[in-house]
N, C-alpha and C. Protein backbone atom coordinates (compact mmCIF):
# COMPACT_ATOMS: atom_id res chain seq x y z
N MET A 1 108.88 97.01 114.58
CA MET A 1 109.14 97.83 113.42
C MET A 1 108.09 97.52 112.35
N ILE A 2 107.50 98.56 111.80
CA ILE A 2 106.51 98.43 110.75
C ILE A 2 107.17 98.85 109.44
N GLU A 3 107.07 98.02 108.42
CA GLU A 3 107.71 98.31 107.14
C GLU A 3 106.68 98.29 106.03
N LEU A 4 106.86 99.21 105.07
CA LEU A 4 105.98 99.28 103.92
C LEU A 4 106.82 99.65 102.71
N GLU A 5 106.54 99.00 101.59
CA GLU A 5 107.27 99.25 100.36
C GLU A 5 106.28 99.71 99.30
N LEU A 6 106.63 100.79 98.59
CA LEU A 6 105.76 101.34 97.57
C LEU A 6 106.51 101.55 96.26
N TYR A 7 105.79 101.37 95.15
CA TYR A 7 106.32 101.69 93.83
C TYR A 7 105.64 102.98 93.39
N ALA A 8 106.43 103.97 92.98
CA ALA A 8 105.87 105.23 92.51
C ALA A 8 106.66 105.68 91.28
N ALA A 9 106.09 105.45 90.11
CA ALA A 9 106.76 105.84 88.87
C ALA A 9 107.06 107.33 88.89
N GLY A 10 108.29 107.69 88.59
CA GLY A 10 108.68 109.09 88.55
C GLY A 10 109.30 109.62 89.82
N VAL A 11 109.32 108.81 90.87
CA VAL A 11 109.90 109.28 92.13
C VAL A 11 111.41 109.48 91.99
N ARG A 12 112.01 108.89 91.00
CA ARG A 12 113.47 109.01 90.83
C ARG A 12 113.89 110.42 90.44
N ASN A 13 112.98 111.22 89.96
CA ASN A 13 113.27 112.61 89.63
C ASN A 13 113.75 113.32 90.90
N THR A 14 114.87 114.01 90.80
CA THR A 14 115.47 114.66 91.97
C THR A 14 114.50 115.59 92.68
N GLU A 15 113.73 116.34 91.92
CA GLU A 15 112.76 117.26 92.53
C GLU A 15 111.72 116.49 93.34
N ASN A 16 111.25 115.35 92.83
CA ASN A 16 110.27 114.53 93.56
C ASN A 16 110.87 113.94 94.82
N VAL A 17 112.12 113.52 94.77
CA VAL A 17 112.78 112.97 95.95
C VAL A 17 112.86 114.04 97.04
N LEU A 18 113.20 115.27 96.64
CA LEU A 18 113.30 116.36 97.61
C LEU A 18 111.93 116.70 98.21
N LYS A 19 110.91 116.75 97.38
CA LYS A 19 109.56 117.05 97.87
C LYS A 19 109.07 115.95 98.81
N LEU A 20 109.33 114.70 98.45
CA LEU A 20 108.92 113.58 99.29
C LEU A 20 109.65 113.63 100.63
N GLY A 21 110.93 113.93 100.58
CA GLY A 21 111.71 114.06 101.81
C GLY A 21 111.16 115.14 102.71
N HIS A 22 110.76 116.25 102.13
CA HIS A 22 110.18 117.35 102.91
C HIS A 22 108.90 116.90 103.60
N GLU A 23 108.05 116.15 102.89
CA GLU A 23 106.80 115.66 103.48
C GLU A 23 107.06 114.65 104.59
N PHE A 24 108.00 113.74 104.37
CA PHE A 24 108.26 112.68 105.34
C PHE A 24 109.03 113.17 106.57
N GLU A 25 109.79 114.24 106.44
CA GLU A 25 110.52 114.78 107.59
C GLU A 25 109.59 115.23 108.70
N ALA A 26 108.37 115.58 108.34
CA ALA A 26 107.40 116.07 109.32
C ALA A 26 106.74 114.94 110.11
N VAL A 27 107.00 113.70 109.74
CA VAL A 27 106.35 112.56 110.39
C VAL A 27 107.31 111.97 111.44
N PRO A 28 106.94 112.05 112.72
CA PRO A 28 107.82 111.52 113.77
C PRO A 28 107.91 109.99 113.71
N GLY A 29 109.11 109.48 113.89
CA GLY A 29 109.31 108.04 113.94
C GLY A 29 109.32 107.35 112.59
N LEU A 30 109.36 108.12 111.50
CA LEU A 30 109.37 107.54 110.15
C LEU A 30 110.76 107.64 109.57
N ARG A 31 111.23 106.52 109.05
CA ARG A 31 112.47 106.50 108.28
C ARG A 31 112.11 106.04 106.89
N TYR A 32 112.78 106.58 105.89
CA TYR A 32 112.47 106.20 104.52
C TYR A 32 113.74 106.12 103.69
N LYS A 33 113.64 105.40 102.60
CA LYS A 33 114.74 105.28 101.65
C LYS A 33 114.13 105.20 100.27
N VAL A 34 114.72 105.92 99.31
CA VAL A 34 114.22 105.92 97.94
C VAL A 34 115.24 105.19 97.07
N ASP A 35 114.78 104.16 96.37
CA ASP A 35 115.61 103.44 95.40
C ASP A 35 115.33 104.09 94.04
N VAL A 36 116.19 105.03 93.64
CA VAL A 36 115.95 105.79 92.42
C VAL A 36 116.16 104.97 91.15
N ASN A 37 116.80 103.84 91.26
CA ASN A 37 116.98 102.98 90.09
C ASN A 37 115.70 102.24 89.74
N HIS A 38 114.83 102.04 90.72
CA HIS A 38 113.63 101.22 90.49
C HIS A 38 112.33 101.92 90.89
N ASP A 39 112.39 103.21 91.27
CA ASP A 39 111.20 103.97 91.69
C ASP A 39 110.49 103.33 92.88
N ILE A 40 111.26 102.81 93.82
CA ILE A 40 110.72 102.17 95.01
C ILE A 40 111.02 103.04 96.23
N VAL A 41 110.03 103.14 97.11
CA VAL A 41 110.20 103.87 98.37
C VAL A 41 109.96 102.89 99.51
N TYR A 42 110.91 102.79 100.42
CA TYR A 42 110.82 101.94 101.59
C TYR A 42 110.51 102.81 102.80
N LEU A 43 109.51 102.44 103.56
CA LEU A 43 109.15 103.18 104.77
C LEU A 43 109.29 102.27 105.98
N GLU A 44 109.79 102.82 107.07
CA GLU A 44 109.90 102.13 108.35
C GLU A 44 109.31 103.02 109.43
N PHE A 45 108.42 102.46 110.22
CA PHE A 45 107.79 103.18 111.32
C PHE A 45 108.15 102.51 112.63
N THR A 46 108.34 103.32 113.68
CA THR A 46 108.49 102.74 115.00
C THR A 46 107.11 102.43 115.58
N GLU A 47 106.11 103.22 115.16
CA GLU A 47 104.71 102.98 115.54
C GLU A 47 103.83 103.53 114.42
N PRO A 48 102.60 103.06 114.31
CA PRO A 48 101.75 103.47 113.18
C PRO A 48 101.23 104.91 113.33
N VAL A 49 101.99 105.87 112.82
CA VAL A 49 101.59 107.27 112.92
C VAL A 49 100.81 107.74 111.70
N LEU A 50 100.88 106.98 110.61
CA LEU A 50 100.14 107.28 109.38
C LEU A 50 99.37 106.04 108.93
N SER A 51 98.23 106.26 108.32
CA SER A 51 97.49 105.15 107.72
C SER A 51 97.94 105.01 106.26
N VAL A 52 97.55 103.94 105.64
CA VAL A 52 97.86 103.73 104.23
C VAL A 52 97.27 104.86 103.39
N GLU A 53 96.05 105.26 103.72
CA GLU A 53 95.40 106.34 102.97
C GLU A 53 96.19 107.64 103.07
N GLN A 54 96.72 107.93 104.25
CA GLN A 54 97.51 109.15 104.43
C GLN A 54 98.82 109.08 103.65
N ILE A 55 99.43 107.92 103.64
CA ILE A 55 100.67 107.74 102.88
C ILE A 55 100.42 107.93 101.40
N LEU A 56 99.37 107.31 100.89
CA LEU A 56 99.05 107.44 99.47
C LEU A 56 98.67 108.87 99.11
N SER A 57 98.04 109.58 100.04
CA SER A 57 97.67 110.97 99.76
C SER A 57 98.90 111.88 99.67
N ILE A 58 99.95 111.55 100.41
CA ILE A 58 101.20 112.31 100.31
C ILE A 58 101.76 112.18 98.90
N PHE A 59 101.77 110.97 98.38
CA PHE A 59 102.26 110.75 97.01
C PHE A 59 101.36 111.46 96.00
N SER A 60 100.07 111.36 96.20
CA SER A 60 99.11 111.99 95.31
C SER A 60 99.29 113.50 95.29
N LYS A 61 99.55 114.08 96.44
CA LYS A 61 99.78 115.52 96.58
C LYS A 61 100.96 115.97 95.71
N LEU A 62 101.92 115.06 95.51
CA LEU A 62 103.10 115.36 94.70
C LEU A 62 102.93 114.90 93.25
N ASP A 63 101.70 114.58 92.88
CA ASP A 63 101.38 114.09 91.53
C ASP A 63 102.09 112.78 91.19
N LEU A 64 102.25 111.93 92.19
CA LEU A 64 102.82 110.60 92.00
C LEU A 64 101.76 109.57 92.36
N THR A 65 101.67 108.53 91.57
CA THR A 65 100.74 107.44 91.88
C THR A 65 101.54 106.32 92.51
N ALA A 66 101.28 106.05 93.77
CA ALA A 66 102.02 105.02 94.50
C ALA A 66 101.19 103.75 94.57
N LYS A 67 101.86 102.63 94.43
CA LYS A 67 101.24 101.32 94.56
C LYS A 67 102.01 100.54 95.62
N ILE A 68 101.28 99.91 96.49
CA ILE A 68 101.90 99.16 97.57
C ILE A 68 102.43 97.84 97.03
N VAL A 69 103.67 97.55 97.38
CA VAL A 69 104.30 96.29 96.98
C VAL A 69 104.20 95.34 98.16
N GLY A 70 103.65 94.17 97.93
CA GLY A 70 103.51 93.19 99.01
C GLY A 70 102.26 93.43 99.83
N THR A 71 102.29 92.96 101.06
CA THR A 71 101.11 93.07 101.93
C THR A 71 101.20 94.32 102.80
N ILE A 72 100.03 94.80 103.17
CA ILE A 72 99.94 95.96 104.06
C ILE A 72 100.06 95.45 105.49
N PRO A 73 100.97 96.00 106.28
CA PRO A 73 101.07 95.58 107.68
C PRO A 73 99.74 95.81 108.40
N PRO A 74 99.35 94.92 109.28
CA PRO A 74 98.06 95.06 109.97
C PRO A 74 97.91 96.37 110.72
N GLU A 75 99.01 96.93 111.22
CA GLU A 75 98.96 98.18 111.98
C GLU A 75 98.57 99.38 111.10
N LEU A 76 98.76 99.26 109.80
CA LEU A 76 98.46 100.36 108.88
C LEU A 76 97.15 100.18 108.14
N ARG A 77 96.53 99.03 108.31
CA ARG A 77 95.26 98.78 107.62
C ARG A 77 94.15 99.62 108.21
N PRO A 78 93.16 99.95 107.38
CA PRO A 78 91.99 100.69 107.90
C PRO A 78 91.31 99.89 109.01
N LYS A 79 90.75 100.59 109.97
CA LYS A 79 90.11 99.94 111.12
C LYS A 79 88.75 99.35 110.77
N THR A 80 88.12 99.83 109.70
CA THR A 80 86.81 99.31 109.31
C THR A 80 86.95 98.45 108.07
N LYS A 81 86.04 97.53 107.90
CA LYS A 81 86.06 96.66 106.73
C LYS A 81 85.24 97.24 105.59
N THR A 82 84.45 98.27 105.86
CA THR A 82 83.61 98.85 104.82
C THR A 82 84.24 100.10 104.26
N GLN A 83 83.86 100.41 103.05
CA GLN A 83 84.35 101.63 102.40
C GLN A 83 83.15 102.50 102.05
N ARG A 84 83.34 103.79 102.20
CA ARG A 84 82.29 104.72 101.88
C ARG A 84 82.18 104.87 100.37
N ILE A 85 80.97 104.83 99.87
CA ILE A 85 80.73 105.01 98.44
C ILE A 85 80.52 106.49 98.20
N SER A 86 81.31 107.05 97.30
CA SER A 86 81.17 108.47 97.05
C SER A 86 79.98 108.73 96.14
N GLY A 87 79.27 109.79 96.42
CA GLY A 87 78.10 110.15 95.64
C GLY A 87 78.49 110.81 94.34
N THR A 88 77.62 110.73 93.37
CA THR A 88 77.92 111.37 92.09
C THR A 88 77.10 112.58 91.86
C-alpha cells in the first residue's frame, strides 16, 4: 500500500471536495479521504498509477495549492534526479 498525505488550504470548501472527488474517481486503485477540519487529503494507492507531479497538477487544476506532508513514497518519486530548467 502506498500512502501520501497532502495539505491543501481551501479544500474544506464543499465545492472543492466534490471537484476533487470527481478527479480522483477516474484513477483506478486510488482511495482518498478529506479531513475538512484541517484541509488534509489522504491518498492510498494499491500501485503507483500517478506521480507526485500528476497529483499536484490535479490540485492546481482546481486552483488549490497542495503541499506534501511528510516524505514522498519512493514509488511516487520522479525517476530522474535532474529537473528541467524552463526557458524564459
